[in-house]
Amino acid sequence: MNMYRRLSLPDYIIYGLLVVGILYRFLVNPGPLLIPLLVFGVIFLLYKFPPNRLQKQGRPVQHRTRTAERKKYEERERRKAHFRVIPGSKPDSDEEQPPKYH
């Protein structure tokens, strides 16, 4: 199926009448069309170009040096924990099966 469908003759007629109707309405009484257009225009401009007080305050970018990265890597390497098994009070039972949902 073609993604870009060509318009048929009735489509062109309907869209043409729609444009003529909007232009006529705007020329006769522009208030009802002008106010919503202005409101949407102001909202669009505020969205695209927000005032400075509404923009997020930029934080200075901290550049890491190689020594800081190496120090962080060494700290991470140092913190590796070795797990130890603490003997419990339950008797060891090898013939018991593990729980079904574990």
C-alpha atoms as a PDB file:
ATOM      1  CA  MET A   1       0.000   0.000   0.000  1.00  0.00           C
ATOM      2  CA  ASN A   2       1.323   3.417  -0.919  1.00  0.00           C
ATOM      3  CA  MET A   3       2.131   5.507   2.139  1.00  0.00           C
ATOM      4  CA  TYR A   4       1.488   8.814   0.364  1.00  0.00           C
ATOM      5  CA  ARG A   5      -2.105   8.601  -0.806  1.00  0.00           C
ATOM      6  CA  ARG A   6      -3.151  11.029  -3.499  1.00  0.00           C
ATOM      7  CA  LEU A   7      -6.192  13.082  -2.734  1.00  0.00           C
ATOM      8  CA  SER A   8      -9.294  12.577  -4.806  1.00  0.00           C
ATOM      9  CA  LEU A   9     -11.394  15.324  -6.395  1.00  0.00           C
ATOM     10  CA  PRO A  10     -13.955  15.442  -3.532  1.00  0.00           C
ATOM     11  CA  ASP A  11     -11.077  15.865  -1.068  1.00  0.00           C
ATOM     12  CA  TYR A  12      -9.748  18.874  -2.982  1.00  0.00           C
ATOM     13  CA  ILE A  13     -13.232  20.396  -3.114  1.00  0.00           C
ATOM     14  CA  ILE A  14     -13.817  19.942   0.642  1.00  0.00           C
ATOM     15  CA  TYR A  15     -10.413  21.360   1.581  1.00  0.00           C
ATOM     16  CA  GLY A  16     -10.885  24.291  -0.802  1.00  0.00           C
ATOM     17  CA  LEU A  17     -14.274  25.131   0.720  1.00  0.00           C
ATOM     18  CA  LEU A  18     -12.754  24.837   4.182  1.00  0.00           C
ATOM     19  CA  VAL A  19     -10.028  27.360   3.328  1.00  0.00           C
ATOM     20  CA  VAL A  20     -12.564  29.742   1.735  1.00  0.00           C
ATOM     21  CA  GLY A  21     -14.800  29.479   4.825  1.00  0.00           C
ATOM     22  CA  ILE A  22     -11.946  30.173   7.238  1.00  0.00           C
ATOM     23  CA  LEU A  23     -10.751  33.170   5.176  1.00  0.00           C
ATOM     24  CA  TYR A  24     -14.297  34.574   4.932  1.00  0.00           C
ATOM     25  CA  ARG A  25     -14.843  34.136   8.667  1.00  0.00           C
ATOM     26  CA  PHE A  26     -11.501  35.829   9.407  1.00  0.00           C
ATOM     27  CA  LEU A  27     -12.282  38.806   7.144  1.00  0.00           C
ATOM     28  CA  VAL A  28     -15.818  39.317   8.512  1.00  0.00           C
ATOM     29  CA  ASN A  29     -15.133  38.860  12.237  1.00  0.00           C
ATOM     30  CA  PRO A  30     -11.460  38.172  13.093  1.00  0.00           C
ATOM     31  CA  GLY A  31     -11.896  38.205  16.892  1.00  0.00           C
ATOM     32  CA  PRO A  32     -13.023  34.593  17.470  1.00  0.00           C
ATOM     33  CA  LEU A  33     -10.157  33.267  15.353  1.00  0.00           C
ATOM     34  CA  LEU A  34      -7.522  35.795  16.308  1.00  0.00           C
ATOM     35  CA  ILE A  35      -7.672  35.313  20.093  1.00  0.00           C
ATOM     36  CA  PRO A  36      -7.040  31.516  20.061  1.00  0.00           C
ATOM     37  CA  LEU A  37      -4.275  31.969  17.480  1.00  0.00           C
ATOM     38  CA  LEU A  38      -2.578  34.550  19.693  1.00  0.00           C
ATOM     39  CA  VAL A  39      -2.925  32.358  22.801  1.00  0.00           C
ATOM     40  CA  PHE A  40      -1.470  29.302  21.056  1.00  0.00           C
ATOM     41  CA  GLY A  41       1.275  31.464  19.541  1.00  0.00           C
ATOM     42  CA  VAL A  42       2.296  32.810  22.952  1.00  0.00           C
ATOM     43  CA  ILE A  43       2.252  29.315  24.465  1.00  0.00           C
ATOM     44  CA  PHE A  44       4.354  27.993  21.589  1.00  0.00           C
ATOM     45  CA  LEU A  45       6.891  30.813  21.954  1.00  0.00           C
ATOM     46  CA  LEU A  46       7.131  30.265  25.721  1.00  0.00           C
ATOM     47  CA  TYR A  47       7.641  26.564  25.116  1.00  0.00           C
ATOM     48  CA  LYS A  48      10.387  27.082  22.535  1.00  0.00           C
ATOM     49  CA  PHE A  49      12.077  30.022  24.285  1.00  0.00           C
ATOM     50  CA  PRO A  50      11.386  29.808  28.033  1.00  0.00           C
ATOM     51  CA  PRO A  51      12.180  32.798  30.230  1.00  0.00           C
ATOM     52  CA  ASN A  52      15.567  32.693  31.983  1.00  0.00           C
ATOM     53  CA  ARG A  53      14.059  32.301  35.441  1.00  0.00           C
ATOM     54  CA  LEU A  54      12.254  29.097  34.390  1.00  0.00           C
ATOM     55  CA  GLN A  55      15.303  27.464  32.862  1.00  0.00           C
ATOM     56  CA  LYS A  56      17.240  24.988  34.952  1.00  0.00           C
ATOM     57  CA  GLN A  57      20.237  26.490  36.642  1.00  0.00           C
ATOM     58  CA  GLY A  58      23.308  25.070  34.975  1.00  0.00           C
ATOM     59  CA  ARG A  59      25.779  23.395  37.249  1.00  0.00           C
ATOM     60  CA  PRO A  60      29.449  23.671  36.445  1.00  0.00           C
ATOM     61  CA  VAL A  61      30.706  20.542  34.767  1.00  0.00           C
ATOM     62  CA  GLN A  62      33.254  18.682  36.835  1.00  0.00           C
ATOM     63  CA  HIS A  63      36.003  17.224  34.713  1.00  0.00           C
ATOM     64  CA  ARG A  64      37.542  14.119  36.153  1.00  0.00           C
ATOM     65  CA  THR A  65      41.256  13.773  35.930  1.00  0.00           C
ATOM     66  CA  ARG A  66      43.036  10.515  35.378  1.00  0.00           C
ATOM     67  CA  THR A  67      44.226  10.420  38.959  1.00  0.00           C
ATOM     68  CA  ALA A  68      40.659  10.846  40.224  1.00  0.00           C
ATOM     69  CA  GLU A  69      39.464   8.031  37.972  1.00  0.00           C
ATOM     70  CA  ARG A  70      42.319   5.783  39.087  1.00  0.00           C
ATOM     71  CA  LYS A  71      41.604   6.569  42.743  1.00  0.00           C
ATOM     72  CA  LYS A  72      37.924   5.719  42.295  1.00  0.00           C
ATOM     73  CA  TYR A  73      38.869   2.460  40.550  1.00  0.00           C
ATOM     74  CA  GLU A  74      41.281   1.505  43.341  1.00  0.00           C
ATOM     75  CA  GLU A  75      38.663   2.314  45.962  1.00  0.00           C
ATOM     76  CA  ARG A  76      36.165   0.077  44.183  1.00  0.00           C
ATOM     77  CA  GLU A  77      38.756  -2.711  43.974  1.00  0.00           C
ATOM     78  CA  ARG A  78      39.525  -2.366  47.671  1.00  0.00           C
ATOM     79  CA  ARG A  79      35.898  -2.670  48.703  1.00  0.00           C
ATOM     80  CA  LYS A  80      35.335  -6.127  47.234  1.00  0.00           C
ATOM     81  CA  ALA A  81      33.864  -8.246  50.000  1.00  0.00           C
ATOM     82  CA  HIS A  82      34.718 -11.879  50.527  1.00  0.00           C
ATOM     83  CA  PHE A  83      31.674 -13.803  51.631  1.00  0.00           C
ATOM     84  CA  ARG A  84      32.004 -16.158  54.559  1.00  0.00           C
ATOM     85  CA  VAL A  85      29.653 -18.955  55.526  1.00  0.00           C
ATOM     86  CA  ILE A  86      28.472 -18.669  59.082  1.00  0.00           C
ATOM     87  CA  PRO A  87      27.648 -22.085  60.540  1.00  0.00           C
ATOM     88  CA  GLY A  88      23.976 -22.271  61.466  1.00  0.00           C
ATOM     89  CA  SER A  89      22.112 -24.277  64.090  1.00  0.00           C
ATOM     90  CA  LYS A  90      20.157 -26.455  61.655  1.00  0.00           C
ATOM     91  CA  PRO A  91      21.353 -30.016  61.164  1.00  0.00           C
ATOM     92  CA  ASP A  92      22.887 -30.735  57.773  1.00  0.00           C
ATOM     93  CA  SER A  93      20.609 -32.869  55.644  1.00  0.00           C
ATOM     94  CA  ASP A  94      21.888 -33.804  52.192  1.00  0.00           C
ATOM     95  CA  GLU A  95      18.885 -35.953  51.229  1.00  0.00           C
ATOM     96  CA  GLU A  96      16.488 -33.018  51.620  1.00  0.00           C
ATOM     97  CA  GLN A  97      15.558 -31.379  48.311  1.00  0.00           C
ATOM     98  CA  PRO A  98      15.753 -27.617  47.895  1.00  0.00           C
ATOM     99  CA  PRO A  99      12.499 -25.693  48.007  1.00  0.00           C
ATOM    100  CA  LYS A 100      10.400 -25.770  44.846  1.00  0.00           C
ATOM    101  CA  TYR A 101      10.216 -22.003  44.466  1.00  0.00           C
ATOM    102  CA  HIS A 102      13.545 -20.512  45.392  1.00  0.00           C
END
